[in-house]
Each structure stands twice: as structure tokens, then as C-alpha cells.
């Protein structure tokens, strides 16, 4: 397997020194720079850049700049997603976002994991694990979601929380690490 295939399979791969992956990251960073320098009022140009970045047309996406990704093509956005300023989606693995999801400013979705022993880490090894965010989820400002996490439908993650483990449906989670503090009646 090449390094991209390893990345997409959730195996350890060379993230830093593989030229093909580096080229794809540069492409995505260039598109993000172009998007971030395009006025919000220029909707047609922003939509064209988003289509090139994600490789599909997001439905009713409201995306405020600045915004950053690593690849773009590993992000599946549902309908009516709102992404506030300064969000970063590190999409080495698939990031799946449901419908009607709100991201506060400065949210980070991080799929990358690195080895704990420095000798392995120094080789540039990385493992990417998917993140799944259900429908009708709200992530407050400065929320961090770590690799391999699933957040269930209807949940709310309080501002400043770090989500290290799965959050069930209809839950309010708060803290570092985020813990469920109550169930939300979404009926």
C-alpha cells in the first residue's frame, strides 16, 4: 500500500515525508487561502472554491473565514451546516458531519494520532482515525474533537470542551475531558 492508502485505511503512515500527500495538503491549503481571502459577498466564487476543496457541492453550507483543512476531500458535510470563524478540520481520516450542525468559532476536529515513543514519532508516523458528528449537533466555541470520536444526534458540546470519547445522542457534554452532564429532551 502507498502512504495515502495506509492513511485512509487507518494504519500508520508517513505523514511528513510522503510527496504525494504533501502535494495534496498544499493544494488544500492553497484553496483555503483563496477561500479565506474571498469576500463573503462573492458567493459564487466562494461556492466554486468550496466545490473544488471538498470535491462536491455542499448543500446550504454557511462557512465563515478563516477556515483550514488538510485535504478537504475527506470531509462529508450534511445539509445546513454552519461553520463559524477560525475552524480547522484535520481530515487525514474521514470527517462525517450530519445535517443542521453548528460549529462555534475556533473549533478543531483532529483525526491525527502520533506514536507515544519519540523514536517512532520522529519518523513522521501518523495514524488517522475518523470523526463522526450526527445530525442537529451544536459544538460551542473552542471545542476540540479528538481522533476516532463519534458525537450522537441532538447533542451539545459546551464551549471549551475537549471530546476524547464518544458522546451519546441527546447529551450535553462539558469539560476537559468532556463528560455527559445531562440528557437533552429533544421531543
C-alpha atoms as a PDB file:
ATOM      1  CA  UNK A   1       0.000   0.000   0.000  1.00  0.00           C
ATOM      2  CA  UNK A   2       1.148   3.536  -0.624  1.00  0.00           C
ATOM      3  CA  UNK A   3       1.060   6.139   2.171  1.00  0.00           C
ATOM      4  CA  UNK A   4      -2.331   7.562   1.137  1.00  0.00           C
ATOM      5  CA  UNK A   5      -3.904   4.103   1.124  1.00  0.00           C
ATOM      6  CA  UNK A   6      -2.448   3.459   4.594  1.00  0.00           C
ATOM      7  CA  UNK A   7      -3.809   6.825   5.805  1.00  0.00           C
ATOM      8  CA  UNK A   8      -7.308   6.085   4.501  1.00  0.00           C
ATOM      9  CA  UNK A   9      -7.205   2.567   5.998  1.00  0.00           C
ATOM     10  CA  UNK A  10      -6.396   3.894   9.490  1.00  0.00           C
ATOM     11  CA  UNK A  11      -2.911   2.384   9.514  1.00  0.00           C
ATOM     12  CA  UNK A  12       0.343   4.072  10.496  1.00  0.00           C
ATOM     13  CA  UNK A  13       1.688   6.069   7.565  1.00  0.00           C
ATOM     14  CA  UNK A  14       4.387   8.599   6.710  1.00  0.00           C
ATOM     15  CA  UNK A  15       2.590  11.928   7.057  1.00  0.00           C
ATOM     16  CA  UNK A  16       5.548  14.275   6.805  1.00  0.00           C
ATOM     17  CA  UNK A  17       7.810  12.969   4.077  1.00  0.00           C
ATOM     18  CA  UNK A  18       5.428  11.462   1.503  1.00  0.00           C
ATOM     19  CA  UNK A  19       5.482  13.742  -1.554  1.00  0.00           C
ATOM     20  CA  UNK A  20       2.018  12.778  -2.837  1.00  0.00           C
ATOM     21  CA  UNK A  21       0.329  13.585   0.486  1.00  0.00           C
ATOM     22  CA  UNK A  22       2.364  16.772   0.849  1.00  0.00           C
ATOM     23  CA  UNK A  23       1.201  17.853  -2.596  1.00  0.00           C
ATOM     24  CA  UNK A  24      -2.442  17.192  -1.693  1.00  0.00           C
ATOM     25  CA  UNK A  25      -2.063  19.201   1.536  1.00  0.00           C
ATOM     26  CA  UNK A  26      -0.517  22.112  -0.362  1.00  0.00           C
ATOM     27  CA  UNK A  27      -3.432  22.033  -2.827  1.00  0.00           C
ATOM     28  CA  UNK A  28      -5.924  22.167   0.063  1.00  0.00           C
ATOM     29  CA  UNK A  29      -4.002  24.917   1.889  1.00  0.00           C
ATOM     30  CA  UNK A  30      -3.859  26.999  -1.307  1.00  0.00           C
ATOM     31  CA  UNK A  31      -7.631  26.602  -1.764  1.00  0.00           C
ATOM     32  CA  UNK A  32      -8.245  27.556   1.875  1.00  0.00           C
ATOM     33  CA  UNK A  33      -6.071  30.646   1.429  1.00  0.00           C
ATOM     34  CA  UNK A  34      -8.049  31.612  -1.674  1.00  0.00           C
ATOM     35  CA  UNK A  35     -11.349  30.989   0.118  1.00  0.00           C
ATOM     36  CA  UNK A  36     -10.242  32.962   3.171  1.00  0.00           C
ATOM     37  CA  UNK A  37      -9.270  35.932   1.002  1.00  0.00           C
ATOM     38  CA  UNK A  38     -12.561  35.940  -0.917  1.00  0.00           C
ATOM     39  CA  UNK A  39     -15.260  38.302   0.315  1.00  0.00           C
ATOM     40  CA  UNK A  40     -18.338  36.692   1.871  1.00  0.00           C
ATOM     41  CA  UNK A  41     -20.405  38.767  -0.557  1.00  0.00           C
ATOM     42  CA  UNK A  42     -18.766  36.955  -3.504  1.00  0.00           C
ATOM     43  CA  UNK A  43     -20.904  33.850  -3.011  1.00  0.00           C
ATOM     44  CA  UNK A  44     -20.356  32.358  -6.467  1.00  0.00           C
ATOM     45  CA  UNK A  45     -16.554  32.408  -6.169  1.00  0.00           C
ATOM     46  CA  UNK A  46     -16.692  31.031  -2.607  1.00  0.00           C
ATOM     47  CA  UNK A  47     -19.001  28.218  -3.734  1.00  0.00           C
ATOM     48  CA  UNK A  48     -16.671  27.348  -6.628  1.00  0.00           C
ATOM     49  CA  UNK A  49     -13.697  27.170  -4.249  1.00  0.00           C
ATOM     50  CA  UNK A  50     -15.667  25.044  -1.777  1.00  0.00           C
ATOM     51  CA  UNK A  51     -16.646  22.647  -4.570  1.00  0.00           C
ATOM     52  CA  UNK A  52     -13.014  22.280  -5.581  1.00  0.00           C
ATOM     53  CA  UNK A  53     -11.875  21.876  -1.970  1.00  0.00           C
ATOM     54  CA  UNK A  54     -14.483  19.297  -0.914  1.00  0.00           C
ATOM     55  CA  UNK A  55     -14.895  17.785  -4.420  1.00  0.00           C
ATOM     56  CA  UNK A  56     -18.696  18.132  -4.226  1.00  0.00           C
ATOM     57  CA  UNK A  57     -21.207  20.938  -3.683  1.00  0.00           C
ATOM     58  CA  UNK A  58     -22.164  21.318  -0.030  1.00  0.00           C
ATOM     59  CA  UNK A  59     -25.898  21.968   0.392  1.00  0.00           C
ATOM     60  CA  UNK A  60     -26.752  25.209   2.209  1.00  0.00           C
ATOM     61  CA  UNK A  61     -23.336  25.488   3.862  1.00  0.00           C
ATOM     62  CA  UNK A  62     -22.553  28.710   5.703  1.00  0.00           C
ATOM     63  CA  UNK A  63     -18.793  28.835   6.102  1.00  0.00           C
ATOM     64  CA  UNK A  64     -17.121  31.855   7.694  1.00  0.00           C
ATOM     65  CA  UNK A  65     -13.448  32.572   7.106  1.00  0.00           C
ATOM     66  CA  UNK A  66     -10.816  31.829   8.070  1.00  0.00           C
ATOM     67  CA  UNK A  67     -11.185  28.069   7.656  1.00  0.00           C
ATOM     68  CA  UNK A  68      -8.491  25.389   7.320  1.00  0.00           C
ATOM     69  CA  UNK A  69      -8.335  21.732   6.289  1.00  0.00           C
ATOM     70  CA  UNK A  70      -5.549  19.297   5.463  1.00  0.00           C
ATOM     71  CA  UNK A  71      -7.100  17.618   2.403  1.00  0.00           C
ATOM     72  CA  UNK A  72     -10.760  18.652   2.052  1.00  0.00           C
ATOM     73  CA  UNK A  73     -11.848  15.515   0.201  1.00  0.00           C
ATOM     74  CA  UNK A  74     -12.159  13.565   3.477  1.00  0.00           C
ATOM     75  CA  UNK A  75     -14.955  15.839   4.769  1.00  0.00           C
ATOM     76  CA  UNK A  76     -18.595  14.881   4.208  1.00  0.00           C
ATOM     77  CA  UNK A  77     -20.918  17.743   5.142  1.00  0.00           C
ATOM     78  CA  UNK A  78     -24.645  17.305   5.594  1.00  0.00           C
ATOM     79  CA  UNK A  79     -27.192  19.969   4.743  1.00  0.00           C
ATOM     80  CA  UNK A  80     -27.481  23.311   6.532  1.00  0.00           C
ATOM     81  CA  UNK A  81     -24.136  23.188   8.330  1.00  0.00           C
ATOM     82  CA  UNK A  82     -22.829  26.401   9.911  1.00  0.00           C
ATOM     83  CA  UNK A  83     -19.077  26.731  10.468  1.00  0.00           C
ATOM     84  CA  UNK A  84     -18.000  29.831  12.373  1.00  0.00           C
ATOM     85  CA  UNK A  85     -14.660  31.662  12.103  1.00  0.00           C
ATOM     86  CA  UNK A  86     -11.279  30.009  12.710  1.00  0.00           C
ATOM     87  CA  UNK A  87     -12.295  26.357  12.482  1.00  0.00           C
ATOM     88  CA  UNK A  88      -9.745  23.711  11.479  1.00  0.00           C
ATOM     89  CA  UNK A  89     -10.737  20.248  10.245  1.00  0.00           C
ATOM     90  CA  UNK A  90      -7.654  17.995  10.171  1.00  0.00           C
ATOM     91  CA  UNK A  91      -9.058  15.424   7.779  1.00  0.00           C
ATOM     92  CA  UNK A  92      -6.449  12.696   7.372  1.00  0.00           C
ATOM     93  CA  UNK A  93      -9.351  10.294   8.023  1.00  0.00           C
ATOM     94  CA  UNK A  94     -12.986  10.762   7.100  1.00  0.00           C
ATOM     95  CA  UNK A  95     -14.861  13.506   8.951  1.00  0.00           C
ATOM     96  CA  UNK A  96     -18.599  12.990   8.607  1.00  0.00           C
ATOM     97  CA  UNK A  97     -20.903  15.820   9.684  1.00  0.00           C
ATOM     98  CA  UNK A  98     -24.677  15.441   9.710  1.00  0.00           C
ATOM     99  CA  UNK A  99     -27.452  17.886   8.871  1.00  0.00           C
ATOM    100  CA  UNK A 100     -28.122  21.062  10.875  1.00  0.00           C
ATOM    101  CA  UNK A 101     -24.781  21.070  12.699  1.00  0.00           C
ATOM    102  CA  UNK A 102     -23.451  24.316  14.229  1.00  0.00           C
ATOM    103  CA  UNK A 103     -19.765  24.951  14.945  1.00  0.00           C
ATOM    104  CA  UNK A 104     -18.821  27.848  17.195  1.00  0.00           C
ATOM    105  CA  UNK A 105     -15.639  29.797  16.473  1.00  0.00           C
ATOM    106  CA  UNK A 106     -12.232  28.153  16.883  1.00  0.00           C
ATOM    107  CA  UNK A 107     -13.442  24.542  16.777  1.00  0.00           C
ATOM    108  CA  UNK A 108     -10.921  21.871  15.854  1.00  0.00           C
ATOM    109  CA  UNK A 109     -11.630  18.371  14.544  1.00  0.00           C
ATOM    110  CA  UNK A 110      -8.387  16.391  14.710  1.00  0.00           C
ATOM    111  CA  UNK A 111      -8.178  12.931  13.133  1.00  0.00           C
ATOM    112  CA  UNK A 112      -4.386  12.604  13.546  1.00  0.00           C
ATOM    113  CA  UNK A 113      -2.749  10.472  16.185  1.00  0.00           C
ATOM    114  CA  UNK A 114       1.012  10.071  16.699  1.00  0.00           C
ATOM    115  CA  UNK A 115       3.072   7.365  18.442  1.00  0.00           C
ATOM    116  CA  UNK A 116       3.929   7.982  22.081  1.00  0.00           C
ATOM    117  CA  UNK A 117       7.570   6.755  21.835  1.00  0.00           C
ATOM    118  CA  UNK A 118       9.600   9.609  20.329  1.00  0.00           C
ATOM    119  CA  UNK A 119      11.731   7.298  18.153  1.00  0.00           C
ATOM    120  CA  UNK A 120       8.594   6.298  16.227  1.00  0.00           C
ATOM    121  CA  UNK A 121       7.198   9.841  16.298  1.00  0.00           C
ATOM    122  CA  UNK A 122      10.479  11.234  14.922  1.00  0.00           C
ATOM    123  CA  UNK A 123       9.996   9.068  11.807  1.00  0.00           C
ATOM    124  CA  UNK A 124       6.950  11.180  10.942  1.00  0.00           C
ATOM    125  CA  UNK A 125       4.487   8.381  11.589  1.00  0.00           C
ATOM    126  CA  UNK A 126       0.832   9.257  11.967  1.00  0.00           C
ATOM    127  CA  UNK A 127      -2.445   7.390  12.195  1.00  0.00           C
ATOM    128  CA  UNK A 128      -5.722   8.995  11.190  1.00  0.00           C
ATOM    129  CA  UNK A 129      -8.976   7.875  12.826  1.00  0.00           C
ATOM    130  CA  UNK A 130     -12.407   9.036  11.618  1.00  0.00           C
ATOM    131  CA  UNK A 131     -14.688  11.517  13.378  1.00  0.00           C
ATOM    132  CA  UNK A 132     -18.468  11.292  13.062  1.00  0.00           C
ATOM    133  CA  UNK A 133     -20.820  14.089  14.138  1.00  0.00           C
ATOM    134  CA  UNK A 134     -24.536  13.315  13.963  1.00  0.00           C
ATOM    135  CA  UNK A 135     -27.489  15.491  12.967  1.00  0.00           C
ATOM    136  CA  UNK A 136     -28.615  18.555  14.945  1.00  0.00           C
ATOM    137  CA  UNK A 137     -25.370  18.832  16.937  1.00  0.00           C
ATOM    138  CA  UNK A 138     -24.031  22.107  18.349  1.00  0.00           C
ATOM    139  CA  UNK A 139     -20.359  22.494  19.213  1.00  0.00           C
ATOM    140  CA  UNK A 140     -19.711  25.668  21.207  1.00  0.00           C
ATOM    141  CA  UNK A 141     -16.696  27.925  20.779  1.00  0.00           C
ATOM    142  CA  UNK A 142     -13.232  26.400  21.169  1.00  0.00           C
ATOM    143  CA  UNK A 143     -14.407  22.776  21.173  1.00  0.00           C
ATOM    144  CA  UNK A 144     -11.780  20.180  20.294  1.00  0.00           C
ATOM    145  CA  UNK A 145     -12.764  16.734  18.985  1.00  0.00           C
ATOM    146  CA  UNK A 146     -10.022  14.081  19.033  1.00  0.00           C
ATOM    147  CA  UNK A 147      -9.417  11.119  16.672  1.00  0.00           C
ATOM    148  CA  UNK A 148     -11.961   8.318  16.478  1.00  0.00           C
ATOM    149  CA  UNK A 149     -14.789  10.158  18.272  1.00  0.00           C
ATOM    150  CA  UNK A 150     -18.499   9.921  17.444  1.00  0.00           C
ATOM    151  CA  UNK A 151     -20.957  12.562  18.682  1.00  0.00           C
ATOM    152  CA  UNK A 152     -24.580  11.407  18.620  1.00  0.00           C
ATOM    153  CA  UNK A 153     -27.578  13.172  17.083  1.00  0.00           C
ATOM    154  CA  UNK A 154     -29.029  16.092  19.016  1.00  0.00           C
ATOM    155  CA  UNK A 155     -26.062  16.548  21.339  1.00  0.00           C
ATOM    156  CA  UNK A 156     -24.493  19.800  22.543  1.00  0.00           C
ATOM    157  CA  UNK A 157     -20.819  20.168  23.423  1.00  0.00           C
ATOM    158  CA  UNK A 158     -20.173  23.100  25.750  1.00  0.00           C
ATOM    159  CA  UNK A 159     -17.667  25.804  24.830  1.00  0.00           C
ATOM    160  CA  UNK A 160     -14.058  24.954  25.620  1.00  0.00           C
ATOM    161  CA  UNK A 161     -14.654  21.216  25.934  1.00  0.00           C
ATOM    162  CA  UNK A 162     -12.257  18.554  24.697  1.00  0.00           C
ATOM    163  CA  UNK A 163     -14.089  15.486  23.391  1.00  0.00           C
ATOM    164  CA  UNK A 164     -11.876  12.443  23.873  1.00  0.00           C
ATOM    165  CA  UNK A 165     -14.565   9.718  23.839  1.00  0.00           C
ATOM    166  CA  UNK A 166     -17.883   9.068  22.116  1.00  0.00           C
ATOM    167  CA  UNK A 167     -20.868  11.166  23.207  1.00  0.00           C
ATOM    168  CA  UNK A 168     -24.318   9.521  23.019  1.00  0.00           C
ATOM    169  CA  UNK A 169     -27.369  11.043  21.345  1.00  0.00           C
ATOM    170  CA  UNK A 170     -29.184  13.955  23.006  1.00  0.00           C
ATOM    171  CA  UNK A 171     -26.473  14.631  25.574  1.00  0.00           C
ATOM    172  CA  UNK A 172     -24.976  17.804  26.992  1.00  0.00           C
ATOM    173  CA  UNK A 173     -21.235  17.293  27.447  1.00  0.00           C
ATOM    174  CA  UNK A 174     -18.961  19.715  29.275  1.00  0.00           C
ATOM    175  CA  UNK A 175     -15.324  19.875  30.315  1.00  0.00           C
ATOM    176  CA  UNK A 176     -11.807  18.663  29.744  1.00  0.00           C
ATOM    177  CA  UNK A 177     -12.227  15.851  29.041  1.00  0.00           C
ATOM    178  CA  UNK A 178     -15.875  16.292  28.055  1.00  0.00           C
ATOM    179  CA  UNK A 179     -18.326  14.373  30.229  1.00  0.00           C
ATOM    180  CA  UNK A 180     -22.068  13.986  29.810  1.00  0.00           C
ATOM    181  CA  UNK A 181     -23.794  16.086  32.492  1.00  0.00           C
ATOM    182  CA  UNK A 182     -27.408  15.702  31.374  1.00  0.00           C
ATOM    183  CA  UNK A 183     -29.694  14.294  28.747  1.00  0.00           C
ATOM    184  CA  UNK A 184     -31.493  16.713  26.435  1.00  0.00           C
ATOM    185  CA  UNK A 185     -35.204  16.196  25.763  1.00  0.00           C
ATOM    186  CA  UNK A 186     -35.377  16.810  22.000  1.00  0.00           C
ATOM    187  CA  UNK A 187     -39.006  15.772  21.608  1.00  0.00           C
END
